[in-house]
Amino acid sequence: MLDQDEGLRFTTTPLRRRGLARATATGLTTLAASLVLFSTGARAEEPAAATTEAAPAEAAAPAEDTGPQFPGKFAGNVALISDYVFRGVSQTQEEPALQGGIDWSHESGAYFGTWGSNVKFPGDNSYLEQDIYGGWATTVGDLSINLGAIFFWYPNAETALNYWEFPVKLGYTMDAVTLSAGILYSPDYFGFAGNAMYANLGVAYAMPLPDESPVGVTLDAGVGFTVAEDDVITDGTYVDWGVGAKISAKGTWTNLAVTLRYTDTDIHGDDSDARFVYGVAYAF
């Protein structure tokens, strides 16, 4: 999923102390759900006596009962991007990232998933970010609502980077235009910055192309504001913004997409300066 508040993240990654940053959401992990199948056994019948009369056609056997099915549905994604940028800050020191995730959703609106990306922070041996999340999403007319919880896990971090974040996101669709807004709260941002909040506004426009066009194009723009109790990169507050384009293939390659994004912040540093980020993603 490509969330505006998380930058170039294919299906949304940290900020760091004086350069420790999380970029948008994104090592790969997989989520698996097992299906319990019940089969019915049938006792072998004795052979019938020989006869010269044509045997009547047998009735079609009833479909075998496969037992209860696992509720909900699964979806996955994998992506390769030139730089993992989260809220305007590189999480890989401007190096490429391989990312992927898997999600489960239910018709009730409940969802659960996990997403991972390689990371590289100065002064720390962390190489993996693993996000585990769940929540509830629904739509009321053209309004979408998403309430959730996300745990950001850095398995081998030398410092305490793990933290929780609780997002509330709204979206409103008007024909080809979608407006979005979100507020995300963390009680211990990146494990060291204390109480923090991130607020963002975004707009996306699906370009009206002919039906025979081999691709679909969506343009987007957004701005976000980070405020933290303690130092994150500067004095605990900064602004990030970006514009981007997503080109989605149709037909045989309908699940393939290419993205290009320009992102910047109001702070200066090797990991937070203006940059172009590009990548390719596949959903399944």
C-alpha atoms as a PDB file:
ATOM      1  CA  MET A   1       0.000   0.000   0.000  1.00  0.00           C
ATOM      2  CA  LEU A   2       1.314   3.361  -0.823  1.00  0.00           C
ATOM      3  CA  ASP A   3       0.352   5.721   1.989  1.00  0.00           C
ATOM      4  CA  GLN A   4       1.150   9.382   1.532  1.00  0.00           C
ATOM      5  CA  ASP A   5       2.071   9.797   5.190  1.00  0.00           C
ATOM      6  CA  GLU A   6       4.677   7.103   4.846  1.00  0.00           C
ATOM      7  CA  GLY A   7       6.330   8.289   1.673  1.00  0.00           C
ATOM      8  CA  LEU A   8       7.448   5.778  -0.926  1.00  0.00           C
ATOM      9  CA  ARG A   9       6.358   2.659   0.750  1.00  0.00           C
ATOM     10  CA  PHE A  10       4.633  -0.020  -1.180  1.00  0.00           C
ATOM     11  CA  THR A  11       2.174  -1.374   0.894  1.00  0.00           C
ATOM     12  CA  THR A  12       4.008   2.845   3.963  1.00  0.00           C
ATOM     13  CA  THR A  13      10.009   3.454   8.671  1.00  0.00           C
ATOM     14  CA  PRO A  14      11.980   5.284  10.990  1.00  0.00           C
ATOM     15  CA  LEU A  15      13.425   8.672  11.843  1.00  0.00           C
ATOM     16  CA  ARG A  16      16.542   8.618  13.831  1.00  0.00           C
ATOM     17  CA  ARG A  17      18.275  10.616  16.439  1.00  0.00           C
ATOM     18  CA  ARG A  18      20.284  13.155  14.404  1.00  0.00           C
ATOM     19  CA  GLY A  19      19.821  11.136  11.298  1.00  0.00           C
ATOM     20  CA  LEU A  20      17.983   8.128  12.697  1.00  0.00           C
ATOM     21  CA  ALA A  21      14.929   8.239  10.516  1.00  0.00           C
ATOM     22  CA  ARG A  22      12.137   6.071   9.486  1.00  0.00           C
ATOM     23  CA  ALA A  23      10.950   6.404   5.902  1.00  0.00           C
ATOM     24  CA  THR A  24       7.840   5.617   4.163  1.00  0.00           C
ATOM     25  CA  ALA A  25       6.248   2.624   6.563  1.00  0.00           C
ATOM     26  CA  THR A  26       9.036  -0.554   4.505  1.00  0.00           C
ATOM     27  CA  GLY A  27      14.214  -8.125   5.234  1.00  0.00           C
ATOM     28  CA  LEU A  28      10.912  -9.588   4.184  1.00  0.00           C
ATOM     29  CA  THR A  29       8.698 -11.601   6.428  1.00  0.00           C
ATOM     30  CA  THR A  30       5.686 -13.639   5.586  1.00  0.00           C
ATOM     31  CA  LEU A  31       2.392 -14.139   7.325  1.00  0.00           C
ATOM     32  CA  ALA A  32       0.795 -17.572   6.870  1.00  0.00           C
ATOM     33  CA  ALA A  33      -2.613 -18.884   7.769  1.00  0.00           C
ATOM     34  CA  SER A  34      -3.298 -22.601   7.607  1.00  0.00           C
ATOM     35  CA  LEU A  35      -6.544 -23.979   6.236  1.00  0.00           C
ATOM     36  CA  VAL A  36      -8.007 -26.996   8.019  1.00  0.00           C
ATOM     37  CA  LEU A  37      -9.463 -29.385   5.496  1.00  0.00           C
ATOM     38  CA  PHE A  38     -11.794 -32.239   6.418  1.00  0.00           C
ATOM     39  CA  SER A  39     -12.096 -35.170   4.009  1.00  0.00           C
ATOM     40  CA  THR A  40     -14.779 -37.877   4.112  1.00  0.00           C
ATOM     41  CA  GLY A  41     -13.697 -41.458   3.756  1.00  0.00           C
ATOM     42  CA  ALA A  42     -15.818 -43.972   1.781  1.00  0.00           C
ATOM     43  CA  ARG A  43     -15.875 -47.717   2.292  1.00  0.00           C
ATOM     44  CA  ALA A  44     -15.136 -49.737  -0.913  1.00  0.00           C
ATOM     45  CA  GLU A  45     -18.202 -51.412  -2.394  1.00  0.00           C
ATOM     46  CA  GLU A  46     -18.255 -55.115  -3.382  1.00  0.00           C
ATOM     47  CA  PRO A  47     -18.154 -55.761  -7.167  1.00  0.00           C
ATOM     48  CA  ALA A  48     -21.546 -56.172  -8.803  1.00  0.00           C
ATOM     49  CA  ALA A  49     -22.574 -59.500 -10.429  1.00  0.00           C
ATOM     50  CA  ALA A  50     -21.872 -59.789 -14.163  1.00  0.00           C
ATOM     51  CA  THR A  51     -24.808 -58.988 -16.435  1.00  0.00           C
ATOM     52  CA  THR A  52     -25.475 -58.674 -20.134  1.00  0.00           C
ATOM     53  CA  GLU A  53     -27.877 -55.792 -19.634  1.00  0.00           C
ATOM     54  CA  ALA A  54     -26.681 -52.276 -20.014  1.00  0.00           C
ATOM     55  CA  ALA A  55     -26.160 -50.713 -16.642  1.00  0.00           C
ATOM     56  CA  PRO A  56     -28.135 -47.552 -15.993  1.00  0.00           C
ATOM     57  CA  ALA A  57     -26.128 -44.346 -15.852  1.00  0.00           C
ATOM     58  CA  GLU A  58     -25.039 -43.561 -12.331  1.00  0.00           C
ATOM     59  CA  ALA A  59     -26.147 -40.341 -10.729  1.00  0.00           C
ATOM     60  CA  ALA A  60     -23.439 -37.744 -10.374  1.00  0.00           C
ATOM     61  CA  ALA A  61     -21.740 -37.976  -7.011  1.00  0.00           C
ATOM     62  CA  PRO A  62     -22.421 -35.043  -4.714  1.00  0.00           C
ATOM     63  CA  ALA A  63     -19.619 -32.554  -4.297  1.00  0.00           C
ATOM     64  CA  GLU A  64     -17.233 -33.504  -1.539  1.00  0.00           C
ATOM     65  CA  ASP A  65     -17.539 -31.431   1.616  1.00  0.00           C
ATOM     66  CA  THR A  66     -14.216 -29.692   2.109  1.00  0.00           C
ATOM     67  CA  GLY A  67     -15.172 -28.446   5.540  1.00  0.00           C
ATOM     68  CA  PRO A  68     -15.021 -24.901   6.898  1.00  0.00           C
ATOM     69  CA  GLN A  69     -12.990 -22.355   4.925  1.00  0.00           C
ATOM     70  CA  PHE A  70     -10.645 -19.820   6.493  1.00  0.00           C
ATOM     71  CA  PRO A  71     -12.469 -16.473   6.630  1.00  0.00           C
ATOM     72  CA  GLY A  72     -11.247 -13.336   4.907  1.00  0.00           C
ATOM     73  CA  LYS A  73      -8.727 -13.002   2.111  1.00  0.00           C
ATOM     74  CA  PHE A  74      -4.998 -12.513   1.714  1.00  0.00           C
ATOM     75  CA  ALA A  75      -2.984 -10.117  -0.445  1.00  0.00           C
ATOM     76  CA  GLY A  76       0.733  -9.559  -0.797  1.00  0.00           C
ATOM     77  CA  ASN A  77       3.211  -7.126  -2.272  1.00  0.00           C
ATOM     78  CA  VAL A  78       6.911  -6.887  -3.075  1.00  0.00           C
ATOM     79  CA  ALA A  79       8.905  -3.845  -4.205  1.00  0.00           C
ATOM     80  CA  LEU A  80      12.386  -2.648  -5.079  1.00  0.00           C
ATOM     81  CA  ILE A  81      13.026   1.082  -4.574  1.00  0.00           C
ATOM     82  CA  SER A  82      16.028   3.364  -4.980  1.00  0.00           C
ATOM     83  CA  ASP A  83      15.838   4.760  -1.435  1.00  0.00           C
ATOM     84  CA  TYR A  84      13.585   3.995   1.515  1.00  0.00           C
ATOM     85  CA  VAL A  85      12.280   7.416   2.545  1.00  0.00           C
ATOM     86  CA  PHE A  86       9.987   7.757   5.534  1.00  0.00           C
ATOM     87  CA  ARG A  87       8.431  11.127   6.299  1.00  0.00           C
ATOM     88  CA  GLY A  88      11.122  12.833   4.282  1.00  0.00           C
ATOM     89  CA  VAL A  89      14.112  11.021   5.802  1.00  0.00           C
ATOM     90  CA  SER A  90      16.112   8.156   4.272  1.00  0.00           C
ATOM     91  CA  GLN A  91      16.102   4.926   6.252  1.00  0.00           C
ATOM     92  CA  THR A  92      18.831   3.344   4.118  1.00  0.00           C
ATOM     93  CA  GLN A  93      21.351   6.209   3.856  1.00  0.00           C
ATOM     94  CA  GLU A  94      20.208   6.767   0.268  1.00  0.00           C
ATOM     95  CA  GLU A  95      20.758   3.134  -0.730  1.00  0.00           C
ATOM     96  CA  PRO A  96      18.197   0.814  -2.426  1.00  0.00           C
ATOM     97  CA  ALA A  97      15.682  -1.218  -0.449  1.00  0.00           C
ATOM     98  CA  LEU A  98      13.893  -4.511  -1.017  1.00  0.00           C
ATOM     99  CA  GLN A  99      10.486  -4.523   0.642  1.00  0.00           C
ATOM    100  CA  GLY A 100       7.447  -6.732   0.929  1.00  0.00           C
ATOM    101  CA  GLY A 101       4.451  -7.642   2.998  1.00  0.00           C
ATOM    102  CA  ILE A 102       1.316  -9.716   3.318  1.00  0.00           C
ATOM    103  CA  ASP A 103      -2.126  -8.640   4.538  1.00  0.00           C
ATOM    104  CA  TRP A 104      -5.299 -10.362   5.669  1.00  0.00           C
ATOM    105  CA  SER A 105      -8.653  -8.594   5.564  1.00  0.00           C
ATOM    106  CA  HIS A 106     -12.194  -9.556   6.541  1.00  0.00           C
ATOM    107  CA  GLU A 107     -15.531  -8.316   5.242  1.00  0.00           C
ATOM    108  CA  SER A 108     -16.235  -6.953   8.726  1.00  0.00           C
ATOM    109  CA  GLY A 109     -13.467  -4.390   8.191  1.00  0.00           C
ATOM    110  CA  ALA A 110     -10.873  -6.071  10.399  1.00  0.00           C
ATOM    111  CA  TYR A 111      -7.388  -6.417   8.968  1.00  0.00           C
ATOM    112  CA  PHE A 112      -3.963  -7.662  10.014  1.00  0.00           C
ATOM    113  CA  GLY A 113      -0.606  -7.698   8.283  1.00  0.00           C
ATOM    114  CA  THR A 114       3.131  -7.456   8.328  1.00  0.00           C
ATOM    115  CA  TRP A 115       5.612  -5.555   6.169  1.00  0.00           C
ATOM    116  CA  GLY A 116       9.411  -5.482   6.080  1.00  0.00           C
ATOM    117  CA  SER A 117      12.307  -3.565   4.571  1.00  0.00           C
ATOM    118  CA  ASN A 118      16.055  -3.460   4.858  1.00  0.00           C
ATOM    119  CA  VAL A 119      17.351  -0.371   6.698  1.00  0.00           C
ATOM    120  CA  LYS A 120      20.733   1.203   7.382  1.00  0.00           C
ATOM    121  CA  PHE A 121      21.253   3.690  10.192  1.00  0.00           C
ATOM    122  CA  PRO A 122      24.531   5.469  10.978  1.00  0.00           C
ATOM    123  CA  GLY A 123      26.143   4.208  14.162  1.00  0.00           C
ATOM    124  CA  ASP A 124      23.839   1.180  14.459  1.00  0.00           C
ATOM    125  CA  ASN A 125      23.914  -2.372  13.101  1.00  0.00           C
ATOM    126  CA  SER A 126      20.197  -2.465  12.308  1.00  0.00           C
ATOM    127  CA  TYR A 127      19.509  -4.020   8.943  1.00  0.00           C
ATOM    128  CA  LEU A 128      15.798  -4.867   9.158  1.00  0.00           C
ATOM    129  CA  GLU A 129      12.569  -3.066   9.947  1.00  0.00           C
ATOM    130  CA  GLN A 130       9.572  -5.291  10.540  1.00  0.00           C
ATOM    131  CA  ASP A 131       6.139  -3.704  10.924  1.00  0.00           C
ATOM    132  CA  ILE A 132       3.257  -5.664  12.444  1.00  0.00           C
ATOM    133  CA  TYR A 133      -0.139  -4.002  12.299  1.00  0.00           C
ATOM    134  CA  GLY A 134      -3.859  -4.493  12.588  1.00  0.00           C
ATOM    135  CA  GLY A 135      -7.049  -2.496  12.801  1.00  0.00           C
ATOM    136  CA  TRP A 136     -10.449  -1.805  11.354  1.00  0.00           C
ATOM    137  CA  ALA A 137     -11.364  -0.010   8.135  1.00  0.00           C
ATOM    138  CA  THR A 138     -14.719   0.822   6.586  1.00  0.00           C
ATOM    139  CA  THR A 139     -16.437   3.174   4.164  1.00  0.00           C
ATOM    140  CA  VAL A 140     -19.516   5.332   4.643  1.00  0.00           C
ATOM    141  CA  GLY A 141     -20.550   6.538   1.229  1.00  0.00           C
ATOM    142  CA  ASP A 142     -17.490   8.294  -0.214  1.00  0.00           C
ATOM    143  CA  LEU A 143     -15.806   8.552   3.186  1.00  0.00           C
ATOM    144  CA  SER A 144     -13.239   5.969   4.290  1.00  0.00           C
ATOM    145  CA  ILE A 145     -12.205   5.433   7.918  1.00  0.00           C
ATOM    146  CA  ASN A 146      -9.159   3.525   9.161  1.00  0.00           C
ATOM    147  CA  LEU A 147      -8.297   2.942  12.834  1.00  0.00           C
ATOM    148  CA  GLY A 148      -5.273   0.841  13.690  1.00  0.00           C
ATOM    149  CA  ALA A 149      -2.134   0.032  15.639  1.00  0.00           C
ATOM    150  CA  ILE A 150       1.386  -0.549  14.296  1.00  0.00           C
ATOM    151  CA  PHE A 151       4.423  -2.032  16.028  1.00  0.00           C
ATOM    152  CA  PHE A 152       7.760  -1.044  14.486  1.00  0.00           C
ATOM    153  CA  TRP A 153      10.337  -3.722  15.255  1.00  0.00           C
ATOM    154  CA  TYR A 154      14.104  -3.534  14.622  1.00  0.00           C
ATOM    155  CA  PRO A 155      15.296  -7.019  15.642  1.00  0.00           C
ATOM    156  CA  ASN A 156      19.040  -6.396  15.928  1.00  0.00           C
ATOM    157  CA  ALA A 157      19.157  -2.697  16.838  1.00  0.00           C
ATOM    158  CA  GLU A 158      21.935  -1.750  19.253  1.00  0.00           C
ATOM    159  CA  THR A 159      19.724   0.993  20.680  1.00  0.00           C
ATOM    160  CA  ALA A 160      16.048   0.861  21.660  1.00  0.00           C
ATOM    161  CA  LEU A 161      14.265   1.744  18.412  1.00  0.00           C
ATOM    162  CA  ASN A 162      11.142  -0.387  18.742  1.00  0.00           C
ATOM    163  CA  TYR A 163       7.913   1.541  19.240  1.00  0.00           C
ATOM    164  CA  TRP A 164       4.128   1.587  18.837  1.00  0.00           C
ATOM    165  CA  GLU A 165       2.109   3.983  16.712  1.00  0.00           C
ATOM    166  CA  PHE A 166      -1.665   4.435  16.585  1.00  0.00           C
ATOM    167  CA  PRO A 167      -3.080   5.930  13.361  1.00  0.00           C
ATOM    168  CA  VAL A 168      -6.460   7.467  12.618  1.00  0.00           C
ATOM    169  CA  LYS A 169      -6.912   8.048   8.876  1.00  0.00           C
ATOM    170  CA  LEU A 170      -9.749   9.512   6.809  1.00  0.00           C
ATOM    171  CA  GLY A 171     -10.258   9.638   3.055  1.00  0.00           C
ATOM    172  CA  TYR A 172     -12.866  11.219   0.828  1.00  0.00           C
ATOM    173  CA  THR A 173     -13.295  10.361  -2.859  1.00  0.00           C
ATOM    174  CA  MET A 174     -14.876  12.674  -5.418  1.00  0.00           C
ATOM    175  CA  ASP A 175     -14.799  11.098  -8.870  1.00  0.00           C
ATOM    176  CA  ALA A 176     -11.097  10.996  -9.817  1.00  0.00           C
ATOM    177  CA  VAL A 177      -9.889  12.936  -6.760  1.00  0.00           C
ATOM    178  CA  THR A 178      -9.205  11.478  -3.322  1.00  0.00           C
ATOM    179  CA  LEU A 179      -8.484  13.664  -0.294  1.00  0.00           C
ATOM    180  CA  SER A 180      -6.779  12.150   2.749  1.00  0.00           C
ATOM    181  CA  ALA A 181      -5.887  13.188   6.279  1.00  0.00           C
ATOM    182  CA  GLY A 182      -4.289  11.348   9.145  1.00  0.00           C
ATOM    183  CA  ILE A 183      -3.069  11.704  12.711  1.00  0.00           C
ATOM    184  CA  LEU A 184      -0.638   9.140  14.127  1.00  0.00           C
ATOM    185  CA  TYR A 185       0.361   9.077  17.796  1.00  0.00           C
ATOM    186  CA  SER A 186       3.295   7.276  19.431  1.00  0.00           C
ATOM    187  CA  PRO A 187       3.923   7.118  23.206  1.00  0.00           C
ATOM    188  CA  ASP A 188       7.665   6.507  22.690  1.00  0.00           C
ATOM    189  CA  TYR A 189       8.668   7.497  19.152  1.00  0.00           C
ATOM    190  CA  PHE A 190      11.641   5.468  17.909  1.00  0.00           C
ATOM    191  CA  GLY A 191      12.188   4.245  21.433  1.00  0.00           C
ATOM    192  CA  PHE A 192      13.795   7.483  22.591  1.00  0.00           C
ATOM    193  CA  ALA A 193      11.817  10.575  21.498  1.00  0.00           C
ATOM    194  CA  GLY A 194       8.933  10.248  23.959  1.00  0.00           C
ATOM    195  CA  ASN A 195       5.404  11.278  23.029  1.00  0.00           C
ATOM    196  CA  ALA A 196       5.147  12.193  19.361  1.00  0.00           C
ATOM    197  CA  MET A 197       2.505  12.943  16.775  1.00  0.00           C
ATOM    198  CA  TYR A 198       2.530  12.998  12.994  1.00  0.00           C
ATOM    199  CA  ALA A 199      -0.233  14.782  11.022  1.00  0.00           C
ATOM    200  CA  ASN A 200      -0.551  14.763   7.261  1.00  0.00           C
ATOM    201  CA  LEU A 201      -2.781  15.944   4.420  1.00  0.00           C
ATOM    202  CA  GLY A 202      -2.766  14.494   0.920  1.00  0.00           C
ATOM    203  CA  VAL A 203      -4.518  14.564  -2.432  1.00  0.00           C
ATOM    204  CA  ALA A 204      -4.456  12.024  -5.264  1.00  0.00           C
ATOM    205  CA  TYR A 205      -5.767  12.381  -8.812  1.00  0.00           C
ATOM    206  CA  ALA A 206      -6.455   9.420 -11.111  1.00  0.00           C
ATOM    207  CA  MET A 207      -5.903  10.733 -14.616  1.00  0.00           C
ATOM    208  CA  PRO A 208      -8.825  10.027 -17.020  1.00  0.00           C
ATOM    209  CA  LEU A 209      -7.191   7.986 -19.774  1.00  0.00           C
ATOM    210  CA  PRO A 210      -8.887   6.094 -22.645  1.00  0.00           C
ATOM    211  CA  ASP A 211     -10.088   2.589 -21.830  1.00  0.00           C
ATOM    212  CA  GLU A 212      -7.625   1.168 -24.350  1.00  0.00           C
ATOM    213  CA  SER A 213      -4.686   2.796 -22.564  1.00  0.00           C
ATOM    214  CA  PRO A 214      -2.174   0.124 -21.434  1.00  0.00           C
ATOM    215  CA  VAL A 215      -1.553   1.951 -18.153  1.00  0.00           C
ATOM    216  CA  GLY A 216      -3.289   3.935 -15.441  1.00  0.00           C
ATOM    217  CA  VAL A 217      -1.673   7.033 -13.970  1.00  0.00           C
ATOM    218  CA  THR A 218      -2.250   8.516 -10.513  1.00  0.00           C
ATOM    219  CA  LEU A 219      -0.665  11.787  -9.374  1.00  0.00           C
ATOM    220  CA  ASP A 220      -0.395  12.696  -5.698  1.00  0.00           C
ATOM    221  CA  ALA A 221       0.910  15.382  -3.350  1.00  0.00           C
ATOM    222  CA  GLY A 222       1.104  15.652   0.405  1.00  0.00           C
ATOM    223  CA  VAL A 223       2.538  17.452   3.403  1.00  0.00           C
ATOM    224  CA  GLY A 224       3.257  16.169   6.902  1.00  0.00           C
ATOM    225  CA  PHE A 225       4.236  17.626  10.267  1.00  0.00           C
ATOM    226  CA  THR A 226       6.192  15.782  12.971  1.00  0.00           C
ATOM    227  CA  VAL A 227       6.291  16.964  16.587  1.00  0.00           C
ATOM    228  CA  ALA A 228       8.066  14.952  19.286  1.00  0.00           C
ATOM    229  CA  GLU A 229       8.718  15.434  22.987  1.00  0.00           C
ATOM    230  CA  ASP A 230      12.478  14.951  22.555  1.00  0.00           C
ATOM    231  CA  ASP A 231      14.977  15.444  19.748  1.00  0.00           C
ATOM    232  CA  VAL A 232      14.281  13.423  16.612  1.00  0.00           C
ATOM    233  CA  ILE A 233      16.390  15.120  13.971  1.00  0.00           C
ATOM    234  CA  THR A 234      16.211  18.783  14.895  1.00  0.00           C
ATOM    235  CA  ASP A 235      14.462  20.169  17.964  1.00  0.00           C
ATOM    236  CA  GLY A 236      11.691  17.586  17.722  1.00  0.00           C
ATOM    237  CA  THR A 237       9.599  19.270  15.028  1.00  0.00           C
ATOM    238  CA  TYR A 238       9.888  19.415  11.254  1.00  0.00           C
ATOM    239  CA  VAL A 239       7.819  19.451   8.069  1.00  0.00           C
ATOM    240  CA  ASP A 240       8.066  17.102   5.082  1.00  0.00           C
ATOM    241  CA  TRP A 241       6.353  17.277   1.697  1.00  0.00           C
ATOM    242  CA  GLY A 242       6.358  15.477  -1.618  1.00  0.00           C
ATOM    243  CA  VAL A 243       4.767  14.960  -5.015  1.00  0.00           C
ATOM    244  CA  GLY A 244       4.670  11.756  -6.993  1.00  0.00           C
ATOM    245  CA  ALA A 245       3.273   9.655  -9.802  1.00  0.00           C
ATOM    246  CA  LYS A 246       2.254   6.014  -9.937  1.00  0.00           C
ATOM    247  CA  ILE A 247       1.985   4.227 -13.286  1.00  0.00           C
ATOM    248  CA  SER A 248       0.020   0.985 -13.063  1.00  0.00           C
ATOM    249  CA  ALA A 249       0.031  -1.552 -15.869  1.00  0.00           C
ATOM    250  CA  LYS A 250      -3.146  -3.071 -17.297  1.00  0.00           C
ATOM    251  CA  GLY A 251      -3.833  -6.407 -18.938  1.00  0.00           C
ATOM    252  CA  THR A 252      -1.285  -9.175 -18.376  1.00  0.00           C
ATOM    253  CA  TRP A 253       0.818  -7.068 -16.010  1.00  0.00           C
ATOM    254  CA  THR A 254      -2.109  -5.486 -14.169  1.00  0.00           C
ATOM    255  CA  ASN A 255      -0.488  -5.950 -10.734  1.00  0.00           C
ATOM    256  CA  LEU A 256       2.757  -4.224 -11.729  1.00  0.00           C
ATOM    257  CA  ALA A 257       3.389  -0.550 -10.910  1.00  0.00           C
ATOM    258  CA  VAL A 258       6.223   1.950 -11.287  1.00  0.00           C
ATOM    259  CA  THR A 259       6.519   4.974  -8.994  1.00  0.00           C
ATOM    260  CA  LEU A 260       8.449   8.232  -9.088  1.00  0.00           C
ATOM    261  CA  ARG A 261       8.487  10.668  -6.188  1.00  0.00           C
ATOM    262  CA  TYR A 262      10.124  13.944  -5.189  1.00  0.00           C
ATOM    263  CA  THR A 263      10.429  14.493  -1.445  1.00  0.00           C
ATOM    264  CA  ASP A 264      11.932  17.195   0.791  1.00  0.00           C
ATOM    265  CA  THR A 265      11.921  18.576   4.353  1.00  0.00           C
ATOM    266  CA  ASP A 266      12.621  21.880   6.089  1.00  0.00           C
ATOM    267  CA  ILE A 267      15.746  20.423   7.726  1.00  0.00           C
ATOM    268  CA  HIS A 268      19.167  19.938   6.187  1.00  0.00           C
ATOM    269  CA  GLY A 269      21.208  16.769   6.224  1.00  0.00           C
ATOM    270  CA  ASP A 270      22.438  13.985   3.989  1.00  0.00           C
ATOM    271  CA  ASP A 271      19.408  11.820   4.810  1.00  0.00           C
ATOM    272  CA  SER A 272      16.735  14.540   4.736  1.00  0.00           C
ATOM    273  CA  ASP A 273      17.613  16.737   1.751  1.00  0.00           C
ATOM    274  CA  ALA A 274      15.497  16.951  -1.400  1.00  0.00           C
ATOM    275  CA  ARG A 275      15.627  13.849  -3.600  1.00  0.00           C
ATOM    276  CA  PHE A 276      13.914  11.812  -6.270  1.00  0.00           C
ATOM    277  CA  VAL A 277      12.928   8.265  -5.369  1.00  0.00           C
ATOM    278  CA  TYR A 278      11.783   5.647  -7.869  1.00  0.00           C
ATOM    279  CA  GLY A 279      10.802   2.019  -7.692  1.00  0.00           C
ATOM    280  CA  VAL A 280       8.829  -0.894  -9.060  1.00  0.00           C
ATOM    281  CA  ALA A 281       6.236  -2.942  -7.150  1.00  0.00           C
ATOM    282  CA  TYR A 282       4.163  -6.057  -7.735  1.00  0.00           C
ATOM    283  CA  ALA A 283       0.956  -6.944  -5.882  1.00  0.00           C
ATOM    284  CA  PHE A 284      -0.463 -10.457  -5.649  1.00  0.00           C
END
